[in-house]
Amino acid sequence: MNARRPMLQPGDGIEYPEYADDVKFLEQFLQDIKLLPPTRPNEGRFDIVV
């Protein structure tokens, strides 16, 4: 049985501030594995396209 889990989407952390910590964690992870530039600010906003 598959449980439905919320997915982070553009706007999360802005429209839904309760997701800001999750977005910051994801941004840091993506920086660690070199998918986001290390100089990009980790603001907890998932609205910026790189």
PDB file of N, CA and C in Angstrom:
ATOM      1  N   MET A   1       0.837  -1.162   0.000  1.00  0.00           N
ATOM      2  CA  MET A   1       0.000   0.000   0.000  1.00  0.00           C
ATOM      3  C   MET A   1       0.898   1.246   0.000  1.00  0.00           C
ATOM      4  N   ASN A   2       0.652   2.160  -0.914  1.00  0.00           N
ATOM      5  CA  ASN A   2       1.423   3.396  -1.000  1.00  0.00           C
ATOM      6  C   ASN A   2       0.755   4.487  -0.191  1.00  0.00           C
ATOM      7  N   ALA A   3       1.536   5.128   0.643  1.00  0.00           N
ATOM      8  CA  ALA A   3       1.031   6.278   1.393  1.00  0.00           C
ATOM      9  C   ALA A   3       1.283   7.527   0.565  1.00  0.00           C
ATOM     10  N   ARG A   4       0.319   8.403   0.530  1.00  0.00           N
ATOM     11  CA  ARG A   4       0.504   9.657  -0.204  1.00  0.00           C
ATOM     12  C   ARG A   4       1.279  10.613   0.675  1.00  0.00           C
ATOM     13  N   ARG A   5       2.332  11.149   0.118  1.00  0.00           N
ATOM     14  CA  ARG A   5       3.180  12.091   0.843  1.00  0.00           C
ATOM     15  C   ARG A   5       3.155  13.421   0.114  1.00  0.00           C
ATOM     16  N   PRO A   6       3.169  14.510   0.859  1.00  0.00           N
ATOM     17  CA  PRO A   6       3.215  15.810   0.184  1.00  0.00           C
ATOM     18  C   PRO A   6       4.559  15.995  -0.504  1.00  0.00           C
ATOM     19  N   MET A   7       4.536  16.622  -1.651  1.00  0.00           N
ATOM     20  CA  MET A   7       5.764  16.922  -2.385  1.00  0.00           C
ATOM     21  C   MET A   7       5.988  18.420  -2.334  1.00  0.00           C
ATOM     22  N   LEU A   8       7.242  18.806  -2.245  1.00  0.00           N
ATOM     23  CA  LEU A   8       7.551  20.227  -2.281  1.00  0.00           C
ATOM     24  C   LEU A   8       7.351  20.741  -3.695  1.00  0.00           C
ATOM     25  N   GLN A   9       6.730  21.893  -3.789  1.00  0.00           N
ATOM     26  CA  GLN A   9       6.440  22.495  -5.074  1.00  0.00           C
ATOM     27  C   GLN A   9       6.864  23.953  -5.052  1.00  0.00           C
ATOM     28  N   PRO A  10       7.022  24.556  -6.247  1.00  0.00           N
ATOM     29  CA  PRO A  10       7.353  25.978  -6.272  1.00  0.00           C
ATOM     30  C   PRO A  10       6.343  26.783  -5.459  1.00  0.00           C
ATOM     31  N   GLY A  11       6.851  27.676  -4.647  1.00  0.00           N
ATOM     32  CA  GLY A  11       6.006  28.492  -3.782  1.00  0.00           C
ATOM     33  C   GLY A  11       5.992  28.008  -2.342  1.00  0.00           C
ATOM     34  N   ASP A  12       6.341  26.743  -2.105  1.00  0.00           N
ATOM     35  CA  ASP A  12       6.399  26.248  -0.732  1.00  0.00           C
ATOM     36  C   ASP A  12       7.475  27.018   0.015  1.00  0.00           C
ATOM     37  N   GLY A  13       7.211  27.360   1.234  1.00  0.00           N
ATOM     38  CA  GLY A  13       8.124  28.193   2.009  1.00  0.00           C
ATOM     39  C   GLY A  13       7.746  29.656   1.889  1.00  0.00           C
ATOM     40  N   ILE A  14       6.957  29.990   0.879  1.00  0.00           N
ATOM     41  CA  ILE A  14       6.451  31.350   0.739  1.00  0.00           C
ATOM     42  C   ILE A  14       4.966  31.336   1.082  1.00  0.00           C
ATOM     43  N   GLU A  15       4.202  30.564   0.318  1.00  0.00           N
ATOM     44  CA  GLU A  15       2.775  30.455   0.563  1.00  0.00           C
ATOM     45  C   GLU A  15       2.499  29.601   1.802  1.00  0.00           C
ATOM     46  N   TYR A  16       3.395  28.680   2.099  1.00  0.00           N
ATOM     47  CA  TYR A  16       3.241  27.781   3.237  1.00  0.00           C
ATOM     48  C   TYR A  16       4.493  27.859   4.096  1.00  0.00           C
ATOM     49  N   PRO A  17       4.578  28.828   4.999  1.00  0.00           N
ATOM     50  CA  PRO A  17       5.803  29.007   5.792  1.00  0.00           C
ATOM     51  C   PRO A  17       6.161  27.788   6.643  1.00  0.00           C
ATOM     52  N   GLU A  18       5.195  26.928   6.925  1.00  0.00           N
ATOM     53  CA  GLU A  18       5.496  25.740   7.732  1.00  0.00           C
ATOM     54  C   GLU A  18       6.421  24.774   6.995  1.00  0.00           C
ATOM     55  N   TYR A  19       6.582  24.927   5.681  1.00  0.00           N
ATOM     56  CA  TYR A  19       7.486  24.077   4.911  1.00  0.00           C
ATOM     57  C   TYR A  19       8.876  24.682   4.754  1.00  0.00           C
ATOM     58  N   ALA A  20       9.117  25.861   5.301  1.00  0.00           N
ATOM     59  CA  ALA A  20      10.400  26.549   5.094  1.00  0.00           C
ATOM     60  C   ALA A  20      11.581  25.704   5.567  1.00  0.00           C
ATOM     61  N   ASP A  21      11.461  25.039   6.714  1.00  0.00           N
ATOM     62  CA  ASP A  21      12.568  24.210   7.209  1.00  0.00           C
ATOM     63  C   ASP A  21      12.835  23.025   6.283  1.00  0.00           C
ATOM     64  N   ASP A  22      11.763  22.419   5.762  1.00  0.00           N
ATOM     65  CA  ASP A  22      11.932  21.305   4.820  1.00  0.00           C
ATOM     66  C   ASP A  22      12.606  21.778   3.540  1.00  0.00           C
ATOM     67  N   VAL A  23      12.228  22.960   3.084  1.00  0.00           N
ATOM     68  CA  VAL A  23      12.819  23.512   1.864  1.00  0.00           C
ATOM     69  C   VAL A  23      14.298  23.821   2.093  1.00  0.00           C
ATOM     70  N   LYS A  24      14.652  24.368   3.258  1.00  0.00           N
ATOM     71  CA  LYS A  24      16.059  24.649   3.568  1.00  0.00           C
ATOM     72  C   LYS A  24      16.874  23.358   3.584  1.00  0.00           C
ATOM     73  N   PHE A  25      16.319  22.305   4.170  1.00  0.00           N
ATOM     74  CA  PHE A  25      17.003  21.014   4.205  1.00  0.00           C
ATOM     75  C   PHE A  25      17.236  20.499   2.782  1.00  0.00           C
ATOM     76  N   LEU A  26      16.202  20.573   1.941  1.00  0.00           N
ATOM     77  CA  LEU A  26      16.327  20.116   0.562  1.00  0.00           C
ATOM     78  C   LEU A  26      17.353  20.947  -0.198  1.00  0.00           C
ATOM     79  N   GLU A  27      17.322  22.262  -0.029  1.00  0.00           N
ATOM     80  CA  GLU A  27      18.296  23.120  -0.705  1.00  0.00           C
ATOM     81  C   GLU A  27      19.722  22.779  -0.285  1.00  0.00           C
ATOM     82  N   GLN A  28      19.931  22.550   0.999  1.00  0.00           N
ATOM     83  CA  GLN A  28      21.270  22.203   1.479  1.00  0.00           C
ATOM     84  C   GLN A  28      21.721  20.865   0.908  1.00  0.00           C
ATOM     85  N   PHE A  29      20.810  19.905   0.863  1.00  0.00           N
ATOM     86  CA  PHE A  29      21.128  18.601   0.284  1.00  0.00           C
ATOM     87  C   PHE A  29      21.510  18.741  -1.188  1.00  0.00           C
ATOM     88  N   LEU A  30      20.743  19.527  -1.941  1.00  0.00           N
ATOM     89  CA  LEU A  30      21.036  19.719  -3.361  1.00  0.00           C
ATOM     90  C   LEU A  30      22.358  20.446  -3.564  1.00  0.00           C
ATOM     91  N   GLN A  31      22.715  21.332  -2.652  1.00  0.00           N
ATOM     92  CA  GLN A  31      24.024  21.980  -2.724  1.00  0.00           C
ATOM     93  C   GLN A  31      25.129  20.974  -2.414  1.00  0.00           C
ATOM     94  N   ASP A  32      24.903  20.116  -1.436  1.00  0.00           N
ATOM     95  CA  ASP A  32      25.910  19.119  -1.055  1.00  0.00           C
ATOM     96  C   ASP A  32      26.216  18.147  -2.191  1.00  0.00           C
ATOM     97  N   ILE A  33      25.206  17.797  -2.977  1.00  0.00           N
ATOM     98  CA  ILE A  33      25.440  16.860  -4.080  1.00  0.00           C
ATOM     99  C   ILE A  33      25.681  17.590  -5.405  1.00  0.00           C
ATOM    100  N   LYS A  34      25.917  18.898  -5.308  1.00  0.00           N
ATOM    101  CA  LYS A  34      26.355  19.727  -6.445  1.00  0.00           C
ATOM    102  C   LYS A  34      25.285  19.946  -7.519  1.00  0.00           C
ATOM    103  N   LEU A  35      24.001  19.852  -7.152  1.00  0.00           N
ATOM    104  CA  LEU A  35      22.945  20.169  -8.108  1.00  0.00           C
ATOM    105  C   LEU A  35      22.540  21.640  -8.043  1.00  0.00           C
ATOM    106  N   LEU A  36      22.874  22.290  -6.951  1.00  0.00           N
ATOM    107  CA  LEU A  36      22.695  23.735  -6.826  1.00  0.00           C
ATOM    108  C   LEU A  36      24.058  24.342  -6.540  1.00  0.00           C
ATOM    109  N   PRO A  37      24.304  25.540  -7.037  1.00  0.00           N
ATOM    110  CA  PRO A  37      25.597  26.172  -6.764  1.00  0.00           C
ATOM    111  C   PRO A  37      25.761  26.472  -5.274  1.00  0.00           C
ATOM    112  N   PRO A  38      26.974  26.286  -4.741  1.00  0.00           N
ATOM    113  CA  PRO A  38      27.194  26.509  -3.305  1.00  0.00           C
ATOM    114  C   PRO A  38      27.050  27.971  -2.898  1.00  0.00           C
ATOM    115  N   THR A  39      27.098  28.875  -3.856  1.00  0.00           N
ATOM    116  CA  THR A  39      26.970  30.298  -3.530  1.00  0.00           C
ATOM    117  C   THR A  39      25.515  30.754  -3.494  1.00  0.00           C
ATOM    118  N   ARG A  40      24.599  29.883  -3.898  1.00  0.00           N
ATOM    119  CA  ARG A  40      23.181  30.236  -3.883  1.00  0.00           C
ATOM    120  C   ARG A  40      22.711  30.352  -2.437  1.00  0.00           C
ATOM    121  N   PRO A  41      21.996  31.431  -2.091  1.00  0.00           N
ATOM    122  CA  PRO A  41      21.527  31.566  -0.709  1.00  0.00           C
ATOM    123  C   PRO A  41      20.484  30.501  -0.373  1.00  0.00           C
ATOM    124  N   ASN A  42      20.573  29.974   0.821  1.00  0.00           N
ATOM    125  CA  ASN A  42      19.642  28.960   1.301  1.00  0.00           C
ATOM    126  C   ASN A  42      18.596  29.676   2.148  1.00  0.00           C
ATOM    127  N   GLU A  43      17.534  30.140   1.490  1.00  0.00           N
ATOM    128  CA  GLU A  43      16.546  30.991   2.144  1.00  0.00           C
ATOM    129  C   GLU A  43      15.286  30.258   2.574  1.00  0.00           C
ATOM    130  N   GLY A  44      15.154  28.996   2.220  1.00  0.00           N
ATOM    131  CA  GLY A  44      13.928  28.284   2.555  1.00  0.00           C
ATOM    132  C   GLY A  44      12.787  28.647   1.635  1.00  0.00           C
ATOM    133  N   ARG A  45      13.126  29.146   0.467  1.00  0.00           N
ATOM    134  CA  ARG A  45      12.123  29.502  -0.534  1.00  0.00           C
ATOM    135  C   ARG A  45      12.346  28.617  -1.752  1.00  0.00           C
ATOM    136  N   PHE A  46      11.308  27.986  -2.198  1.00  0.00           N
ATOM    137  CA  PHE A  46      11.414  27.041  -3.309  1.00  0.00           C
ATOM    138  C   PHE A  46      10.848  27.654  -4.583  1.00  0.00           C
ATOM    139  N   ASP A  47      11.051  28.963  -4.752  1.00  0.00           N
ATOM    140  CA  ASP A  47      10.475  29.650  -5.897  1.00  0.00           C
ATOM    141  C   ASP A  47      11.520  30.102  -6.900  1.00  0.00           C
ATOM    142  N   ILE A  48      12.782  29.945  -6.574  1.00  0.00           N
ATOM    143  CA  ILE A  48      13.846  30.476  -7.411  1.00  0.00           C
ATOM    144  C   ILE A  48      14.341  29.384  -8.351  1.00  0.00           C
ATOM    145  N   VAL A  49      14.315  29.653  -9.634  1.00  0.00           N
ATOM    146  CA  VAL A  49      14.798  28.690 -10.623  1.00  0.00           C
ATOM    147  C   VAL A  49      16.246  29.018 -10.920  1.00  0.00           C
ATOM    148  N   VAL A  50      17.101  28.002 -10.858  1.00  0.00           N
ATOM    149  CA  VAL A  50      18.530  28.201 -11.109  1.00  0.00           C
ATOM    150  C   VAL A  50      18.859  27.694 -12.487  1.00  0.00           C
TER     151      VAL A  50
END
